[in-house]
Amino acid sequence: MTQSAPEQKKRIQSLDFIRGIAILGMLVPNIPWHAGNSMSRVYDADLSSTLAWLAQYLIFDQRFMPLFCMLFGASIYLLAGSDGLTPKFNRYFLRRMSILLFFGVLHAYLLWPGDILITYAICGPLLLLFFRSPIWLLLTAGILFKGVDLLFGEWPQLYSATIERLLFSWWVDYGDAPSSAAAAYAGSYVDLFTYNAWRNQFLQWTALPYFRIWNALGFMLIGMAFFRAGILQGNRSVDFYKRMAWISFVVSLPLLIYGILARIGVNSSIGPFLGFIEDLPLQNITFRTGTAIMSFTVLAALHLLYPQVSERLRKAVEPVGRTALSNYVFHSVFFLMLFHVALPSRFDTLDHDTFFILAVIVWGLQLIGSNLWLKRYKQGPLEGVWRRLAGKKQVAQS
């Protein structure tokens, strides 16, 4: 934080570029949940839908959300600026997280129950506890938190025997769904709201200690460590990022390929289409460990590419990163209007090749819309509301 003004400006722009790529990349694995109830199901396993299904898992799934979590974790240092951790900053930061929690609840119940803002808002205050921790402790804690997420994902009985038994099993009763998801999307908005409220019981509240907090907080702490080490903001050498990219790629690729093969083997349509039907062990932990490590490949590759890409491309993507909150919520608004208003009968009927077409359409809208918006306003619409509600603070980047 002692760089000159030009260096500081360049560093912030690179973070906006990475954040923009993360928001655009996160859309692809989220679309199956916006448009249906399963990421893995394929109705018509032809060549195009199979290739799209494979691309989703090989390139996009759980590759870009870690980037966003790392940036979110690092943002606490950017918000604090030169003041560091003070009682005044603590109050300001907790106020920001409270407002983000409010946004998340509205998003989850009114638009889409897959919301992640609630998780970020709950993890945020925990970052204050690690603000002054040394880099090694941040990395260790981040890896441990992610490790718990991986263990619960592969062996859910561990979660059931511990956290669920202690906190939820003795009193939580989800009850029967008020309707099917397809009926809710085809019905009135009240029907959809009622269904989403029922679904949020698990997707938001009981899932927080199951996998959401462990996963998000793990990457947030790693992001804090990477920021402290100068990795996240691009301050290390080109050779460093090349080594980071190659090492993480070589380590993650076998795990990723095995995990995808395991998913093919148990998929009722993709497996028979590709002629591979096999229930391989350790499906979740191999794939998710591979994607977690591969996210570091993506981070390093983006730092290597950023100086090489054209100024036109940077100027197209950076506004998406500057309006990340608004763009994230826009995804939910777009698909709510599409599948509840315009095409309610198509909810939970589309395959992954169509999902990619929808992703390209949304990407175009966001790239154009974000640039047009920032030509007139300094912040995205939700970012502006968030900042006004939280109160002003002079910071390096918010």
Protein backbone atom coordinates (compact mmCIF):
# COMPACT_ATOMS: atom_id res chain seq x y z
CA MET A 1 0.00 0.00 0.00
CA THR A 2 2.97 2.26 -0.39
CA GLN A 3 3.08 2.29 -4.20
CA SER A 4 2.95 5.47 -6.19
CA ALA A 5 -0.37 6.76 -7.51
CA PRO A 6 0.08 5.35 -11.04
CA GLU A 7 1.00 1.90 -9.66
CA GLN A 8 -1.94 1.97 -7.26
CA LYS A 9 -4.31 2.84 -10.10
CA LYS A 10 -2.96 0.03 -12.28
CA ARG A 11 -3.26 -2.47 -9.46
CA ILE A 12 -6.88 -1.57 -8.81
CA GLN A 13 -7.69 -1.91 -12.50
CA SER A 14 -6.20 -5.40 -12.58
CA LEU A 15 -8.34 -6.41 -9.60
CA ASP A 16 -11.42 -5.04 -11.34
CA PHE A 17 -10.49 -7.06 -14.43
CA ILE A 18 -10.16 -10.28 -12.40
CA ARG A 19 -13.38 -9.55 -10.55
CA GLY A 20 -15.16 -8.97 -13.85
CA ILE A 21 -13.89 -12.26 -15.26
CA ALA A 22 -14.99 -13.98 -12.04
CA ILE A 23 -18.54 -12.59 -12.27
CA LEU A 24 -18.85 -13.59 -15.92
CA GLY A 25 -17.35 -17.02 -15.27
CA MET A 26 -19.58 -17.73 -12.26
CA LEU A 27 -22.64 -17.37 -14.45
CA VAL A 28 -22.09 -20.63 -16.34
CA PRO A 29 -22.29 -23.05 -13.37
CA ASN A 30 -25.11 -20.96 -11.87
CA ILE A 31 -27.38 -21.06 -14.93
CA PRO A 32 -28.52 -24.69 -14.39
CA TRP A 33 -29.79 -23.60 -10.97
CA HIS A 34 -31.43 -20.48 -12.40
CA ALA A 35 -33.06 -22.55 -15.14
CA GLY A 36 -33.74 -25.81 -13.31
CA ASN A 37 -33.00 -28.06 -10.36
CA SER A 38 -29.85 -29.90 -11.38
CA MET A 39 -26.43 -29.04 -12.76
CA SER A 40 -25.60 -32.58 -13.84
CA ARG A 41 -28.83 -33.71 -15.52
CA VAL A 42 -28.90 -33.78 -19.33
CA TYR A 43 -32.18 -34.55 -21.08
CA ASP A 44 -30.89 -35.09 -24.62
CA ALA A 45 -27.31 -36.36 -24.56
CA ASP A 46 -26.30 -35.44 -28.10
CA LEU A 47 -22.87 -34.17 -29.14
CA SER A 48 -23.50 -30.46 -28.45
CA SER A 49 -25.11 -30.93 -25.04
CA THR A 50 -22.40 -33.40 -24.00
CA LEU A 51 -19.59 -31.06 -25.04
CA ALA A 52 -21.29 -28.20 -23.18
CA TRP A 53 -21.73 -30.42 -20.10
CA LEU A 54 -18.04 -31.34 -20.21
CA ALA A 55 -16.97 -27.71 -20.69
CA GLN A 56 -19.01 -26.69 -17.69
CA TYR A 57 -17.16 -29.08 -15.40
CA LEU A 58 -13.76 -28.88 -17.08
CA ILE A 59 -13.54 -25.08 -17.36
CA PHE A 60 -16.15 -23.25 -15.31
CA ASP A 61 -17.54 -25.13 -12.32
CA GLN A 62 -15.95 -23.93 -9.04
CA ARG A 63 -13.16 -22.15 -10.86
CA PHE A 64 -14.36 -18.55 -10.63
CA MET A 65 -16.21 -18.43 -7.32
CA PRO A 66 -12.89 -18.98 -5.48
CA LEU A 67 -11.48 -15.93 -7.28
CA PHE A 68 -14.38 -13.84 -6.09
CA CYS A 69 -14.00 -15.13 -2.52
CA MET A 70 -10.28 -14.34 -2.55
CA LEU A 71 -10.98 -10.81 -3.76
CA PHE A 72 -13.66 -10.41 -1.12
CA GLY A 73 -11.22 -11.47 1.59
CA ALA A 74 -8.55 -9.09 0.33
CA SER A 75 -11.04 -6.22 0.20
CA ILE A 76 -10.89 -5.84 3.98
CA TYR A 77 -7.35 -4.48 3.61
CA LEU A 78 -8.39 -2.20 0.77
CA LEU A 79 -11.31 -0.89 2.83
CA ALA A 80 -9.17 -0.34 5.91
CA GLY A 81 -6.50 1.48 3.91
CA SER A 82 -3.69 3.06 5.89
CA ASP A 83 -5.84 3.32 9.02
CA GLY A 84 -5.61 -0.39 9.70
CA LEU A 85 -7.87 -2.12 12.20
CA THR A 86 -9.50 0.50 14.43
CA PRO A 87 -12.79 0.60 16.37
CA LYS A 88 -14.12 3.10 13.83
CA PHE A 89 -13.26 0.81 10.91
CA ASN A 90 -14.72 -2.22 12.72
CA ARG A 91 -18.06 -0.44 13.09
CA TYR A 92 -17.97 0.66 9.47
CA PHE A 93 -17.11 -2.83 8.22
CA LEU A 94 -19.77 -4.52 10.36
CA ARG A 95 -22.31 -2.01 9.09
CA ARG A 96 -21.35 -2.91 5.52
CA MET A 97 -21.75 -6.61 6.26
CA SER A 98 -25.15 -6.03 7.89
CA ILE A 99 -26.35 -4.22 4.78
CA LEU A 100 -24.94 -6.99 2.58
CA LEU A 101 -26.83 -9.53 4.69
CA PHE A 102 -30.02 -7.54 4.14
CA PHE A 103 -29.38 -7.49 0.38
CA GLY A 104 -28.74 -11.24 0.48
CA VAL A 105 -31.99 -12.03 2.28
CA LEU A 106 -33.96 -9.94 -0.21
CA HIS A 107 -32.13 -11.60 -3.10
CA ALA A 108 -32.66 -15.13 -1.76
CA TYR A 109 -36.36 -14.75 -1.00
CA LEU A 110 -37.49 -12.38 -3.74
CA LEU A 111 -35.34 -13.50 -6.67
CA TRP A 112 -33.26 -16.67 -6.32
CA PRO A 113 -32.61 -18.98 -3.33
CA GLY A 114 -29.12 -19.82 -4.59
CA ASP A 115 -27.87 -16.46 -3.26
CA ILE A 116 -24.28 -16.26 -1.99
CA LEU A 117 -24.41 -12.76 -0.48
CA ILE A 118 -25.73 -14.10 2.83
CA THR A 119 -22.70 -16.37 3.10
CA TYR A 120 -20.31 -13.51 2.35
CA ALA A 121 -22.01 -11.25 4.89
CA ILE A 122 -21.72 -13.88 7.62
CA CYS A 123 -18.10 -14.69 6.78
CA GLY A 124 -17.14 -11.01 6.61
CA PRO A 125 -17.03 -10.27 10.35
CA LEU A 126 -14.91 -13.39 10.90
CA LEU A 127 -12.23 -11.84 8.68
CA LEU A 128 -11.70 -9.15 11.30
CA LEU A 129 -10.38 -11.85 13.64
CA PHE A 130 -7.63 -12.65 11.11
CA PHE A 131 -6.81 -9.08 10.03
CA ARG A 132 -3.39 -8.97 11.72
CA SER A 133 -2.58 -12.67 11.34
CA PRO A 134 0.71 -13.55 9.62
CA ILE A 135 0.58 -14.89 6.10
CA TRP A 136 1.37 -18.45 7.15
CA LEU A 137 -1.54 -18.50 9.59
CA LEU A 138 -3.94 -17.09 7.00
CA LEU A 139 -2.90 -19.79 4.52
CA THR A 140 -3.08 -22.55 7.13
CA ALA A 141 -6.52 -21.48 8.36
CA GLY A 142 -7.79 -21.11 4.80
CA ILE A 143 -6.61 -24.59 3.83
CA LEU A 144 -8.11 -26.07 7.00
CA PHE A 145 -11.50 -24.45 6.39
CA LYS A 146 -11.49 -25.66 2.79
CA GLY A 147 -10.46 -29.09 4.04
CA VAL A 148 -13.54 -29.30 6.26
CA ASP A 149 -15.68 -28.41 3.24
CA LEU A 150 -14.06 -31.19 1.21
CA LEU A 151 -14.53 -33.76 3.97
CA PHE A 152 -18.19 -32.91 4.47
CA GLY A 153 -18.74 -32.98 0.70
CA GLU A 154 -17.30 -36.47 0.29
CA TRP A 155 -18.58 -37.92 3.57
CA PRO A 156 -21.81 -36.08 4.49
CA GLN A 157 -22.31 -38.51 7.34
CA LEU A 158 -19.53 -36.62 9.16
CA TYR A 159 -21.64 -33.47 8.97
CA SER A 160 -24.80 -35.37 10.00
CA ALA A 161 -23.07 -36.89 13.02
CA THR A 162 -21.59 -33.59 14.21
CA ILE A 163 -22.93 -30.17 13.24
CA GLU A 164 -26.34 -31.25 11.97
CA ARG A 165 -26.95 -33.40 15.03
CA LEU A 166 -25.88 -30.63 17.37
CA LEU A 167 -27.64 -27.69 15.70
CA PHE A 168 -30.50 -28.88 13.50
CA SER A 169 -31.62 -32.51 13.57
CA TRP A 170 -33.49 -32.22 16.87
CA TRP A 171 -35.75 -29.37 15.81
CA VAL A 172 -35.57 -28.58 12.06
CA ASP A 173 -38.38 -29.99 9.93
CA TYR A 174 -38.34 -28.81 6.34
CA GLY A 175 -41.81 -30.13 5.66
CA ASP A 176 -43.16 -30.96 2.24
CA ALA A 177 -42.54 -28.65 -0.69
CA PRO A 178 -45.56 -26.40 -1.34
CA SER A 179 -45.31 -27.36 -5.03
CA SER A 180 -42.80 -28.53 -7.58
CA ALA A 181 -40.30 -26.00 -8.80
CA ALA A 182 -41.75 -26.13 -12.32
CA ALA A 183 -45.27 -25.46 -10.98
CA ALA A 184 -43.98 -22.56 -8.89
CA TYR A 185 -42.31 -20.93 -11.90
CA ALA A 186 -45.42 -21.49 -14.02
CA GLY A 187 -47.73 -20.12 -11.33
CA SER A 188 -48.10 -16.71 -9.74
CA TYR A 189 -45.27 -14.81 -8.09
CA VAL A 190 -46.82 -15.70 -4.72
CA ASP A 191 -46.44 -19.38 -5.66
CA LEU A 192 -42.81 -18.80 -6.57
CA PHE A 193 -42.11 -16.81 -3.40
CA THR A 194 -43.68 -19.56 -1.27
CA TYR A 195 -41.59 -22.22 -2.99
CA ASN A 196 -38.38 -20.17 -2.64
CA ALA A 197 -39.08 -19.55 1.05
CA TRP A 198 -39.38 -23.31 1.58
CA ARG A 199 -36.22 -24.00 -0.43
CA ASN A 200 -34.22 -21.37 1.45
CA GLN A 201 -34.60 -23.38 4.66
CA PHE A 202 -31.81 -25.60 3.42
CA LEU A 203 -30.06 -23.63 0.66
CA GLN A 204 -29.37 -20.71 2.97
CA TRP A 205 -29.67 -21.44 6.64
CA THR A 206 -28.84 -25.09 7.38
CA ALA A 207 -26.42 -25.27 4.44
CA LEU A 208 -24.29 -22.48 5.91
CA PRO A 209 -22.48 -24.75 8.40
CA TYR A 210 -22.67 -27.70 5.98
CA PHE A 211 -20.54 -26.33 3.14
CA ARG A 212 -21.10 -22.65 2.39
CA ILE A 213 -19.11 -21.04 5.23
CA TRP A 214 -16.22 -23.54 5.13
CA ASN A 215 -15.74 -23.11 1.40
CA ALA A 216 -16.13 -19.34 1.20
CA LEU A 217 -14.18 -18.51 4.34
CA GLY A 218 -11.34 -20.80 3.29
CA PHE A 219 -10.81 -18.94 0.04
CA MET A 220 -11.33 -15.55 1.70
CA LEU A 221 -8.49 -16.24 4.11
CA ILE A 222 -6.28 -17.46 1.26
CA GLY A 223 -7.14 -14.23 -0.55
CA MET A 224 -6.04 -12.22 2.48
CA ALA A 225 -2.75 -14.13 2.52
CA PHE A 226 -2.26 -13.64 -1.21
CA PHE A 227 -2.91 -9.92 -0.86
CA ARG A 228 -0.44 -9.60 2.01
CA ALA A 229 2.12 -11.47 -0.11
CA GLY A 230 1.51 -9.22 -3.13
CA ILE A 231 0.20 -12.13 -5.22
CA LEU A 232 -3.41 -11.10 -5.65
CA GLN A 233 -2.71 -7.58 -6.87
CA GLY A 234 -0.06 -8.66 -9.38
CA ASN A 235 3.07 -7.45 -7.58
CA ARG A 236 5.10 -10.62 -8.09
CA SER A 237 7.34 -11.40 -11.04
CA VAL A 238 6.23 -12.94 -14.31
CA ASP A 239 8.29 -16.04 -13.50
CA PHE A 240 6.44 -16.38 -10.19
CA TYR A 241 3.03 -16.42 -11.90
CA LYS A 242 4.29 -18.85 -14.54
CA ARG A 243 5.47 -21.24 -11.83
CA MET A 244 2.22 -20.77 -9.92
CA ALA A 245 0.18 -21.50 -13.05
CA TRP A 246 2.12 -24.58 -14.10
CA ILE A 247 2.47 -26.17 -10.66
CA SER A 248 -1.20 -25.73 -9.78
CA PHE A 249 -2.23 -26.94 -13.24
CA VAL A 250 -0.09 -30.08 -13.13
CA VAL A 251 -1.28 -30.95 -9.62
CA SER A 252 -4.96 -30.25 -10.25
CA LEU A 253 -5.47 -31.72 -13.72
CA PRO A 254 -5.33 -35.45 -12.76
CA LEU A 255 -7.73 -34.85 -9.87
CA LEU A 256 -10.04 -32.86 -12.11
CA ILE A 257 -10.06 -35.46 -14.90
CA TYR A 258 -10.71 -38.28 -12.44
CA GLY A 259 -13.54 -36.32 -10.85
CA ILE A 260 -15.14 -35.64 -14.24
CA LEU A 261 -14.82 -39.31 -15.21
CA ALA A 262 -16.52 -40.21 -11.95
CA ARG A 263 -19.35 -37.81 -12.76
CA ILE A 264 -19.69 -39.28 -16.25
CA GLY A 265 -19.83 -42.78 -14.82
CA VAL A 266 -22.88 -42.08 -12.66
CA ASN A 267 -24.71 -39.75 -15.04
CA SER A 268 -27.77 -41.51 -16.43
CA SER A 269 -27.56 -39.85 -19.86
CA ILE A 270 -23.94 -38.71 -20.39
CA GLY A 271 -22.51 -42.04 -19.18
CA PRO A 272 -24.38 -44.21 -21.71
CA PHE A 273 -23.78 -41.67 -24.51
CA LEU A 274 -20.00 -41.79 -23.91
CA GLY A 275 -20.01 -45.51 -23.16
CA PHE A 276 -18.65 -45.17 -19.63
CA ILE A 277 -20.81 -46.42 -16.77
CA GLU A 278 -18.77 -46.85 -13.63
CA ASP A 279 -19.33 -45.76 -10.04
CA LEU A 280 -15.84 -44.55 -9.15
CA PRO A 281 -14.95 -43.86 -5.50
CA LEU A 282 -14.04 -40.46 -4.04
CA GLN A 283 -15.96 -38.59 -6.71
CA ASN A 284 -16.54 -35.34 -4.82
CA ILE A 285 -13.27 -34.87 -2.99
CA THR A 286 -11.10 -35.46 -6.06
CA PHE A 287 -13.09 -33.16 -8.32
CA ARG A 288 -13.48 -30.38 -5.77
CA THR A 289 -9.84 -30.55 -4.68
CA GLY A 290 -8.88 -30.34 -8.33
CA THR A 291 -11.10 -27.33 -8.97
CA ALA A 292 -9.84 -25.57 -5.85
CA ILE A 293 -6.22 -25.93 -6.94
CA MET A 294 -7.10 -25.10 -10.55
CA SER A 295 -8.55 -21.77 -9.39
CA PHE A 296 -4.95 -20.73 -8.59
CA THR A 297 -4.04 -21.59 -12.17
CA VAL A 298 -6.81 -19.27 -13.35
CA LEU A 299 -5.63 -16.51 -11.02
CA ALA A 300 -2.03 -16.78 -12.18
CA ALA A 301 -3.06 -16.99 -15.84
CA LEU A 302 -5.16 -13.84 -15.54
CA HIS A 303 -2.20 -11.96 -14.08
CA LEU A 304 -0.04 -13.16 -16.96
CA LEU A 305 -2.68 -12.25 -19.54
CA TYR A 306 -3.68 -8.88 -18.13
CA PRO A 307 -0.70 -6.91 -19.52
CA GLN A 308 -1.05 -8.74 -22.85
CA VAL A 309 -4.75 -8.26 -23.59
CA SER A 310 -5.85 -5.28 -25.59
CA GLU A 311 -6.84 -2.09 -23.87
CA ARG A 312 -10.25 -2.43 -25.48
CA LEU A 313 -10.83 -5.78 -23.80
CA ARG A 314 -9.65 -4.50 -20.44
CA LYS A 315 -11.94 -1.50 -20.68
CA ALA A 316 -14.83 -3.82 -21.55
CA VAL A 317 -14.32 -6.19 -18.62
CA GLU A 318 -13.20 -3.86 -15.83
CA PRO A 319 -16.60 -2.09 -15.56
CA VAL A 320 -18.21 -5.49 -14.98
CA GLY A 321 -15.85 -5.95 -12.03
CA ARG A 322 -16.55 -2.45 -10.72
CA THR A 323 -20.28 -3.22 -10.73
CA ALA A 324 -19.94 -6.83 -9.56
CA LEU A 325 -22.74 -6.74 -6.97
CA SER A 326 -25.23 -5.25 -9.41
CA ASN A 327 -24.19 -7.69 -12.14
CA TYR A 328 -24.52 -10.67 -9.82
CA VAL A 329 -28.08 -9.71 -8.86
CA PHE A 330 -28.84 -8.95 -12.51
CA HIS A 331 -28.34 -12.66 -13.26
CA SER A 332 -31.25 -13.49 -10.97
CA VAL A 333 -33.47 -10.73 -12.36
CA PHE A 334 -32.79 -11.83 -15.94
CA PHE A 335 -33.59 -15.50 -15.34
CA LEU A 336 -36.58 -14.75 -13.15
CA MET A 337 -38.05 -12.67 -15.96
CA LEU A 338 -37.12 -15.33 -18.52
CA PHE A 339 -38.43 -18.44 -16.77
CA HIS A 340 -41.22 -17.01 -14.65
CA VAL A 341 -42.59 -14.35 -16.99
CA ALA A 342 -41.53 -14.98 -20.59
CA LEU A 343 -41.00 -18.76 -20.80
CA PRO A 344 -42.41 -20.40 -17.65
CA SER A 345 -43.03 -23.71 -19.42
CA ARG A 346 -39.31 -24.04 -20.25
CA PHE A 347 -38.07 -24.07 -16.65
CA ASP A 348 -36.10 -27.24 -15.93
CA THR A 349 -36.33 -28.46 -19.53
CA LEU A 350 -33.15 -27.10 -21.16
CA ASP A 351 -29.76 -28.73 -21.69
CA HIS A 352 -26.27 -27.32 -21.32
CA ASP A 353 -25.75 -26.27 -24.93
CA THR A 354 -28.71 -23.91 -24.52
CA PHE A 355 -27.29 -22.73 -21.20
CA PHE A 356 -24.13 -21.57 -22.97
CA ILE A 357 -26.20 -19.61 -25.49
CA LEU A 358 -27.98 -17.92 -22.58
CA ALA A 359 -24.61 -17.21 -20.93
CA VAL A 360 -23.31 -15.47 -24.04
CA ILE A 361 -26.47 -13.33 -24.20
CA VAL A 362 -26.13 -12.29 -20.56
CA TRP A 363 -22.40 -11.63 -20.96
CA GLY A 364 -23.16 -9.29 -23.85
CA LEU A 365 -25.80 -7.45 -21.87
CA GLN A 366 -23.47 -7.05 -18.90
CA LEU A 367 -20.44 -5.94 -20.89
CA ILE A 368 -22.48 -3.32 -22.72
CA GLY A 369 -24.65 -2.31 -19.78
CA SER A 370 -21.82 -1.94 -17.27
CA ASN A 371 -19.82 0.28 -19.61
CA LEU A 372 -22.82 2.47 -20.41
CA TRP A 373 -23.75 2.79 -16.74
CA LEU A 374 -20.26 3.84 -15.61
CA LYS A 375 -20.06 6.47 -18.32
CA ARG A 376 -22.78 8.30 -16.40
CA TYR A 377 -22.38 7.12 -12.81
CA LYS A 378 -19.35 6.40 -10.62
CA GLN A 379 -20.69 3.12 -9.20
CA GLY A 380 -23.16 0.40 -10.00
CA PRO A 381 -26.71 0.96 -8.73
CA LEU A 382 -26.51 -1.52 -5.84
CA GLU A 383 -22.94 -0.50 -5.05
CA GLY A 384 -24.12 3.10 -4.73
CA VAL A 385 -26.97 2.17 -2.39
CA TRP A 386 -24.63 -0.02 -0.34
CA ARG A 387 -22.09 2.76 0.06
CA ARG A 388 -24.69 5.39 0.95
CA LEU A 389 -26.29 3.15 3.57
CA ALA A 390 -22.93 2.22 5.08
CA GLY A 391 -21.68 5.79 5.18
CA LYS A 392 -18.75 7.36 3.39
CA LYS A 393 -15.17 6.40 4.02
CA GLN A 394 -12.09 7.43 2.06
CA VAL A 395 -10.42 4.19 1.01
CA ALA A 396 -8.06 2.90 -1.66
CA GLN A 397 -10.82 0.79 -3.25
CA SER A 398 -14.29 -0.26 -2.12
